[in-house]
C-alpha atoms as a PDB file:
ATOM      1  CA  UNK A   1      97.190  90.821 113.008  1.00  0.00           C
ATOM      2  CA  UNK A   2      94.074  92.278 111.609  1.00  0.00           C
ATOM      3  CA  UNK A   3      90.399  91.376 111.666  1.00  0.00           C
ATOM      4  CA  UNK A   4      89.993  88.078 113.439  1.00  0.00           C
ATOM      5  CA  UNK A   5      87.642  85.333 112.327  1.00  0.00           C
ATOM      6  CA  UNK A   6      84.886  84.761 114.844  1.00  0.00           C
ATOM      7  CA  UNK A   7      84.839  81.016 114.343  1.00  0.00           C
ATOM      8  CA  UNK A   8      83.080  78.977 116.992  1.00  0.00           C
ATOM      9  CA  UNK A   9      84.244  75.545 118.058  1.00  0.00           C
ATOM     10  CA  UNK A  10      81.933  72.750 119.151  1.00  0.00           C
ATOM     11  CA  UNK A  11      82.175  71.319 122.604  1.00  0.00           C
ATOM     12  CA  UNK A  12      82.666  74.511 124.591  1.00  0.00           C
ATOM     13  CA  UNK A  13      79.048  75.124 125.532  1.00  0.00           C
ATOM     14  CA  UNK A  14      78.968  72.296 128.038  1.00  0.00           C
ATOM     15  CA  UNK A  15      81.724  73.747 130.209  1.00  0.00           C
ATOM     16  CA  UNK A  16      81.081  75.408 133.545  1.00  0.00           C
ATOM     17  CA  UNK A  17      80.487  79.161 133.726  1.00  0.00           C
ATOM     18  CA  UNK A  18      83.466  81.436 133.230  1.00  0.00           C
ATOM     19  CA  UNK A  19      84.665  84.686 134.751  1.00  0.00           C
ATOM     20  CA  UNK A  20      82.064  86.565 136.727  1.00  0.00           C
ATOM     21  CA  UNK A  21      79.380  83.980 135.941  1.00  0.00           C
ATOM     22  CA  UNK A  22      79.545  84.741 132.209  1.00  0.00           C
ATOM     23  CA  UNK A  23      78.575  82.069 129.724  1.00  0.00           C
ATOM     24  CA  UNK A  24      81.439  79.917 128.474  1.00  0.00           C
ATOM     25  CA  UNK A  25      83.341  81.461 125.586  1.00  0.00           C
ATOM     26  CA  UNK A  26      82.635  79.873 122.214  1.00  0.00           C
ATOM     27  CA  UNK A  27      84.653  81.886 119.662  1.00  0.00           C
ATOM     28  CA  UNK A  28      88.350  82.385 119.150  1.00  0.00           C
ATOM     29  CA  UNK A  29      88.003  86.184 119.093  1.00  0.00           C
ATOM     30  CA  UNK A  30      86.238  86.165 122.463  1.00  0.00           C
ATOM     31  CA  UNK A  31      88.906  83.942 123.972  1.00  0.00           C
ATOM     32  CA  UNK A  32      91.598  86.211 122.570  1.00  0.00           C
ATOM     33  CA  UNK A  33      89.991  89.321 124.084  1.00  0.00           C
ATOM     34  CA  UNK A  34      89.627  87.639 127.455  1.00  0.00           C
ATOM     35  CA  UNK A  35      93.273  86.597 127.379  1.00  0.00           C
ATOM     36  CA  UNK A  36      94.314  90.183 126.591  1.00  0.00           C
ATOM     37  CA  UNK A  37      92.385  91.349 129.654  1.00  0.00           C
ATOM     38  CA  UNK A  38      94.173  88.806 131.828  1.00  0.00           C
ATOM     39  CA  UNK A  39      97.563  89.718 130.368  1.00  0.00           C
ATOM     40  CA  UNK A  40      96.869  93.377 131.214  1.00  0.00           C
ATOM     41  CA  UNK A  41      95.881  92.507 134.788  1.00  0.00           C
ATOM     42  CA  UNK A  42      98.515  89.909 135.643  1.00  0.00           C
ATOM     43  CA  UNK A  43     101.209  90.236 133.020  1.00  0.00           C
ATOM     44  CA  UNK A  44     101.838  87.885 130.123  1.00  0.00           C
ATOM     45  CA  UNK A  45     104.376  85.726 131.951  1.00  0.00           C
ATOM     46  CA  UNK A  46     102.203  85.247 135.034  1.00  0.00           C
ATOM     47  CA  UNK A  47      99.068  84.276 133.122  1.00  0.00           C
ATOM     48  CA  UNK A  48      98.812  80.560 132.412  1.00  0.00           C
ATOM     49  CA  UNK A  49      96.741  78.573 129.951  1.00  0.00           C
ATOM     50  CA  UNK A  50      94.827  77.204 132.937  1.00  0.00           C
ATOM     51  CA  UNK A  51      94.050  80.762 134.076  1.00  0.00           C
ATOM     52  CA  UNK A  52      92.660  81.642 130.661  1.00  0.00           C
ATOM     53  CA  UNK A  53      90.661  78.444 130.284  1.00  0.00           C
ATOM     54  CA  UNK A  54      89.213  78.811 133.782  1.00  0.00           C
ATOM     55  CA  UNK A  55      88.182  82.419 133.169  1.00  0.00           C
ATOM     56  CA  UNK A  56      86.647  81.426 129.838  1.00  0.00           C
ATOM     57  CA  UNK A  57      84.666  78.555 131.348  1.00  0.00           C
ATOM     58  CA  UNK A  58      86.307  75.955 129.119  1.00  0.00           C
ATOM     59  CA  UNK A  59      88.731  73.088 129.642  1.00  0.00           C
ATOM     60  CA  UNK A  60      92.383  72.931 128.631  1.00  0.00           C
ATOM     61  CA  UNK A  61      91.560  70.580 125.764  1.00  0.00           C
ATOM     62  CA  UNK A  62      89.063  73.059 124.340  1.00  0.00           C
ATOM     63  CA  UNK A  63      91.568  75.899 124.747  1.00  0.00           C
ATOM     64  CA  UNK A  64      94.086  74.028 122.604  1.00  0.00           C
ATOM     65  CA  UNK A  65      91.485  73.595 119.892  1.00  0.00           C
ATOM     66  CA  UNK A  66      91.462  77.373 119.573  1.00  0.00           C
ATOM     67  CA  UNK A  67      95.196  78.051 119.984  1.00  0.00           C
ATOM     68  CA  UNK A  68      98.244  75.731 119.938  1.00  0.00           C
ATOM     69  CA  UNK A  69      99.855  77.687 122.795  1.00  0.00           C
ATOM     70  CA  UNK A  70      99.556  80.800 124.924  1.00  0.00           C
ATOM     71  CA  UNK A  71     101.996  82.585 122.606  1.00  0.00           C
ATOM     72  CA  UNK A  72      99.729  81.943 119.621  1.00  0.00           C
ATOM     73  CA  UNK A  73      96.864  83.878 121.228  1.00  0.00           C
ATOM     74  CA  UNK A  74      98.706  87.119 120.651  1.00  0.00           C
ATOM     75  CA  UNK A  75      99.092  86.402 116.933  1.00  0.00           C
ATOM     76  CA  UNK A  76      95.405  85.627 116.428  1.00  0.00           C
ATOM     77  CA  UNK A  77      94.561  84.458 112.896  1.00  0.00           C
ATOM     78  CA  UNK A  78      98.043  85.196 111.543  1.00  0.00           C
ATOM     79  CA  UNK A  79      98.340  82.053 109.423  1.00  0.00           C
ATOM     80  CA  UNK A  80      95.062  82.791 107.664  1.00  0.00           C
ATOM     81  CA  UNK A  81      96.110  86.393 107.139  1.00  0.00           C
ATOM     82  CA  UNK A  82      99.438  85.263 105.700  1.00  0.00           C
ATOM     83  CA  UNK A  83      97.566  83.110 103.188  1.00  0.00           C
ATOM     84  CA  UNK A  84      95.467  86.156 102.303  1.00  0.00           C
ATOM     85  CA  UNK A  85      98.610  88.283 101.854  1.00  0.00           C
ATOM     86  CA  UNK A  86     100.065  85.701  99.463  1.00  0.00           C
ATOM     87  CA  UNK A  87      96.849  85.650  97.427  1.00  0.00           C
ATOM     88  CA  UNK A  88      96.584  89.436  97.434  1.00  0.00           C
ATOM     89  CA  UNK A  89     100.102  89.902  96.088  1.00  0.00           C
ATOM     90  CA  UNK A  90      99.261  87.697  93.111  1.00  0.00           C
ATOM     91  CA  UNK A  91      96.503  90.106  92.051  1.00  0.00           C
ATOM     92  CA  UNK A  92      98.914  92.942  91.180  1.00  0.00           C
ATOM     93  CA  UNK A  93      99.701  92.954  87.444  1.00  0.00           C
ATOM     94  CA  UNK A  94     103.199  93.707  86.151  1.00  0.00           C
ATOM     95  CA  UNK A  95     102.004  97.194  85.187  1.00  0.00           C
ATOM     96  CA  UNK A  96     101.892  98.107  88.883  1.00  0.00           C
ATOM     97  CA  UNK A  97     105.412  99.092  89.998  1.00  0.00           C
ATOM     98  CA  UNK A  98     106.936  96.573  92.368  1.00  0.00           C
ATOM     99  CA  UNK A  99     107.219  98.835  95.393  1.00  0.00           C
ATOM    100  CA  UNK A 100     103.727 100.226  94.834  1.00  0.00           C
ATOM    101  CA  UNK A 101     102.389  96.669  94.945  1.00  0.00           C
ATOM    102  CA  UNK A 102     104.340  95.929  98.121  1.00  0.00           C
ATOM    103  CA  UNK A 103     103.118  99.162  99.735  1.00  0.00           C
ATOM    104  CA  UNK A 104      99.486  98.562  98.870  1.00  0.00           C
ATOM    105  CA  UNK A 105      99.612  94.929  99.982  1.00  0.00           C
ATOM    106  CA  UNK A 106     101.234  95.905 103.285  1.00  0.00           C
ATOM    107  CA  UNK A 107      98.552  98.493 103.972  1.00  0.00           C
ATOM    108  CA  UNK A 108      95.778  96.050 103.134  1.00  0.00           C
ATOM    109  CA  UNK A 109      97.367  93.379 105.339  1.00  0.00           C
ATOM    110  CA  UNK A 110      97.338  95.769 108.285  1.00  0.00           C
ATOM    111  CA  UNK A 111      93.877  97.282 107.931  1.00  0.00           C
ATOM    112  CA  UNK A 112      91.996  97.019 111.219  1.00  0.00           C
ATOM    113  CA  UNK A 113      88.275  97.255 111.788  1.00  0.00           C
ATOM    114  CA  UNK A 114      87.718 100.317 114.028  1.00  0.00           C
ATOM    115  CA  UNK A 115      85.948  98.122 116.580  1.00  0.00           C
ATOM    116  CA  UNK A 116      89.038  95.920 116.796  1.00  0.00           C
ATOM    117  CA  UNK A 117      91.579  98.758 116.976  1.00  0.00           C
ATOM    118  CA  UNK A 118      91.818  98.836 120.815  1.00  0.00           C
ATOM    119  CA  UNK A 119      92.419  95.087 120.880  1.00  0.00           C
ATOM    120  CA  UNK A 120      94.927  95.358 118.046  1.00  0.00           C
ATOM    121  CA  UNK A 121      96.855  97.925 120.078  1.00  0.00           C
ATOM    122  CA  UNK A 122      97.036  95.446 122.946  1.00  0.00           C
ATOM    123  CA  UNK A 123      98.176  92.767 120.506  1.00  0.00           C
ATOM    124  CA  UNK A 124     100.979  94.865 119.108  1.00  0.00           C
ATOM    125  CA  UNK A 125     102.097  96.090 122.520  1.00  0.00           C
ATOM    126  CA  UNK A 126     102.519  92.458 123.509  1.00  0.00           C
ATOM    127  CA  UNK A 127     104.246  91.408 120.282  1.00  0.00           C
ATOM    128  CA  UNK A 128     106.714  94.296 120.261  1.00  0.00           C
ATOM    129  CA  UNK A 129     107.375  94.717 123.985  1.00  0.00           C
ATOM    130  CA  UNK A 130     107.089  91.298 125.647  1.00  0.00           C
ATOM    131  CA  UNK A 131     110.508  89.586 125.914  1.00  0.00           C
ATOM    132  CA  UNK A 132     108.938  86.147 126.354  1.00  0.00           C
ATOM    133  CA  UNK A 133     107.341  86.459 122.902  1.00  0.00           C
ATOM    134  CA  UNK A 134     110.430  87.480 120.963  1.00  0.00           C
ATOM    135  CA  UNK A 135     111.533  84.002 119.862  1.00  0.00           C
ATOM    136  CA  UNK A 136     108.001  83.104 118.829  1.00  0.00           C
ATOM    137  CA  UNK A 137     107.652  86.401 116.986  1.00  0.00           C
ATOM    138  CA  UNK A 138     110.866  85.769 115.082  1.00  0.00           C
ATOM    139  CA  UNK A 139     109.340  82.638 113.554  1.00  0.00           C
ATOM    140  CA  UNK A 140     106.297  84.628 112.458  1.00  0.00           C
ATOM    141  CA  UNK A 141     108.488  87.328 110.942  1.00  0.00           C
ATOM    142  CA  UNK A 142     110.396  84.702 108.948  1.00  0.00           C
ATOM    143  CA  UNK A 143     107.145  83.353 107.498  1.00  0.00           C
ATOM    144  CA  UNK A 144     105.953  86.871 106.626  1.00  0.00           C
ATOM    145  CA  UNK A 145     109.226  87.813 104.941  1.00  0.00           C
ATOM    146  CA  UNK A 146     109.201  84.575 102.959  1.00  0.00           C
ATOM    147  CA  UNK A 147     105.856  85.448 101.376  1.00  0.00           C
ATOM    148  CA  UNK A 148     107.092  88.886 100.391  1.00  0.00           C
ATOM    149  CA  UNK A 149     110.507  87.692  99.159  1.00  0.00           C
ATOM    150  CA  UNK A 150     108.811  85.099  96.954  1.00  0.00           C
ATOM    151  CA  UNK A 151     106.652  87.773  95.357  1.00  0.00           C
ATOM    152  CA  UNK A 152     109.582  90.146  94.819  1.00  0.00           C
ATOM    153  CA  UNK A 153     111.782  87.385  93.436  1.00  0.00           C
ATOM    154  CA  UNK A 154     109.135  86.387  90.920  1.00  0.00           C
ATOM    155  CA  UNK A 155     108.683  89.988  89.828  1.00  0.00           C
ATOM    156  CA  UNK A 156     112.370  90.704  89.242  1.00  0.00           C
ATOM    157  CA  UNK A 157     113.407  87.265  88.013  1.00  0.00           C
ATOM    158  CA  UNK A 158     115.589  86.328  90.969  1.00  0.00           C
ATOM    159  CA  UNK A 159     115.506  83.507  93.494  1.00  0.00           C
ATOM    160  CA  UNK A 160     113.623  84.496  96.638  1.00  0.00           C
ATOM    161  CA  UNK A 161     116.786  83.921  98.697  1.00  0.00           C
ATOM    162  CA  UNK A 162     118.770  86.367  96.572  1.00  0.00           C
ATOM    163  CA  UNK A 163     119.899  89.670  98.011  1.00  0.00           C
ATOM    164  CA  UNK A 164     117.332  92.016  96.461  1.00  0.00           C
ATOM    165  CA  UNK A 165     114.186  90.032  97.427  1.00  0.00           C
ATOM    166  CA  UNK A 166     115.528  89.475 100.925  1.00  0.00           C
ATOM    167  CA  UNK A 167     116.594  93.109 101.324  1.00  0.00           C
ATOM    168  CA  UNK A 168     113.134  94.351 100.324  1.00  0.00           C
ATOM    169  CA  UNK A 169     111.412  91.831 102.591  1.00  0.00           C
ATOM    170  CA  UNK A 170     113.569  92.749 105.585  1.00  0.00           C
ATOM    171  CA  UNK A 171     113.255  96.469 104.889  1.00  0.00           C
ATOM    172  CA  UNK A 172     109.479  96.281 104.520  1.00  0.00           C
ATOM    173  CA  UNK A 173     109.168  94.433 107.814  1.00  0.00           C
ATOM    174  CA  UNK A 174     111.321  97.098 109.455  1.00  0.00           C
ATOM    175  CA  UNK A 175     109.108  99.835 108.026  1.00  0.00           C
ATOM    176  CA  UNK A 176     106.006  98.077 109.348  1.00  0.00           C
ATOM    177  CA  UNK A 177     107.470  97.746 112.840  1.00  0.00           C
ATOM    178  CA  UNK A 178     108.571 101.396 112.851  1.00  0.00           C
ATOM    179  CA  UNK A 179     105.073 102.488 111.801  1.00  0.00           C
ATOM    180  CA  UNK A 180     103.517 100.354 114.523  1.00  0.00           C
ATOM    181  CA  UNK A 181     105.813 101.843 117.150  1.00  0.00           C
ATOM    182  CA  UNK A 182     104.661 105.326 116.147  1.00  0.00           C
ATOM    183  CA  UNK A 183     101.026 104.207 116.172  1.00  0.00           C
ATOM    184  CA  UNK A 184     101.370 102.796 119.676  1.00  0.00           C
ATOM    185  CA  UNK A 185     102.939 106.021 120.959  1.00  0.00           C
ATOM    186  CA  UNK A 186     100.427 108.363 119.336  1.00  0.00           C
ATOM    187  CA  UNK A 187      96.785 107.324 119.483  1.00  0.00           C
ATOM    188  CA  UNK A 188      95.748 110.199 117.214  1.00  0.00           C
ATOM    189  CA  UNK A 189      97.749 108.825 114.271  1.00  0.00           C
ATOM    190  CA  UNK A 190      96.236 106.571 111.611  1.00  0.00           C
ATOM    191  CA  UNK A 191      98.109 103.290 111.114  1.00  0.00           C
ATOM    192  CA  UNK A 192      97.499 102.993 107.374  1.00  0.00           C
ATOM    193  CA  UNK A 193      98.722 106.570 106.824  1.00  0.00           C
ATOM    194  CA  UNK A 194     101.908 105.830 108.743  1.00  0.00           C
ATOM    195  CA  UNK A 195     102.498 102.681 106.704  1.00  0.00           C
ATOM    196  CA  UNK A 196     101.813 104.499 103.460  1.00  0.00           C
ATOM    197  CA  UNK A 197     104.199 107.363 104.241  1.00  0.00           C
ATOM    198  CA  UNK A 198     106.979 105.085 105.440  1.00  0.00           C
ATOM    199  CA  UNK A 199     106.680 102.756 102.450  1.00  0.00           C
ATOM    200  CA  UNK A 200     106.857 105.675 100.031  1.00  0.00           C
ATOM    201  CA  UNK A 201     110.140 106.679 101.653  1.00  0.00           C
ATOM    202  CA  UNK A 202     111.413 103.129 101.332  1.00  0.00           C
ATOM    203  CA  UNK A 203     110.316 102.904  97.695  1.00  0.00           C
ATOM    204  CA  UNK A 204     112.284 106.050  96.927  1.00  0.00           C
ATOM    205  CA  UNK A 205     115.386 104.344  98.277  1.00  0.00           C
ATOM    206  CA  UNK A 206     114.901 101.304  96.033  1.00  0.00           C
ATOM    207  CA  UNK A 207     113.869 103.326  92.982  1.00  0.00           C
ATOM    208  CA  UNK A 208     115.601 102.121  89.824  1.00  0.00           C
ATOM    209  CA  UNK A 209     117.659  99.496  91.615  1.00  0.00           C
ATOM    210  CA  UNK A 210     115.511  96.356  91.323  1.00  0.00           C
ATOM    211  CA  UNK A 211     112.966  96.942  88.584  1.00  0.00           C
ATOM    212  CA  UNK A 212     112.839  99.059  85.484  1.00  0.00           C
ATOM    213  CA  UNK A 213     109.951 101.459  84.865  1.00  0.00           C
ATOM    214  CA  UNK A 214     106.727  99.673  83.941  1.00  0.00           C
ATOM    215  CA  UNK A 215     104.570 100.491  80.945  1.00  0.00           C
ATOM    216  CA  UNK A 216     101.986 102.165  83.161  1.00  0.00           C
ATOM    217  CA  UNK A 217     101.962 103.226  86.793  1.00  0.00           C
ATOM    218  CA  UNK A 218      99.440 101.948  89.330  1.00  0.00           C
ATOM    219  CA  UNK A 219      98.186 103.671  92.512  1.00  0.00           C
END
């Protein structure tokens, strides 16, 4: 859900021309953007992998080298971003209060390059409002919560499946979704500001319940 890698794949350049005589698509980001255009025109359910591949000027086999399925297009480089989130959380020292670290990591995870913001809006509209994607999205949410629960559990000395780590992970995901819903409704609002404000409210609710005061406070 954030900046997408523009990684090219070999083998696409020999395909026939794509939509409107354009050159065949050779990066994952380009294929993703084209798919979003088709979803907007035809609807997610009515757009097939063959439709996307044909418009992109590539074959089905090449399409599946970019994305395992049509559903995965919407999530872009999520797995890579999840790896980055895990690594980012490890950089916060114990002197940074737990919920401050979670807030800052969440904001960083959801930073969007201004040039990608319109596409990210399309992505989140699909993720949050397309019934056919809900089961797939649930699996992604589980993976995201697991990363956060592991970090919280390590910080407070509890197993990641214990109540407190799971409660914080679920609550943080809920905050993120609520912030995204507001962002989608109001184009003049800044996503990171919404996330920051909502997470500060959440942190106030958890204050003193999962972690004692640190020696020094971080941002």
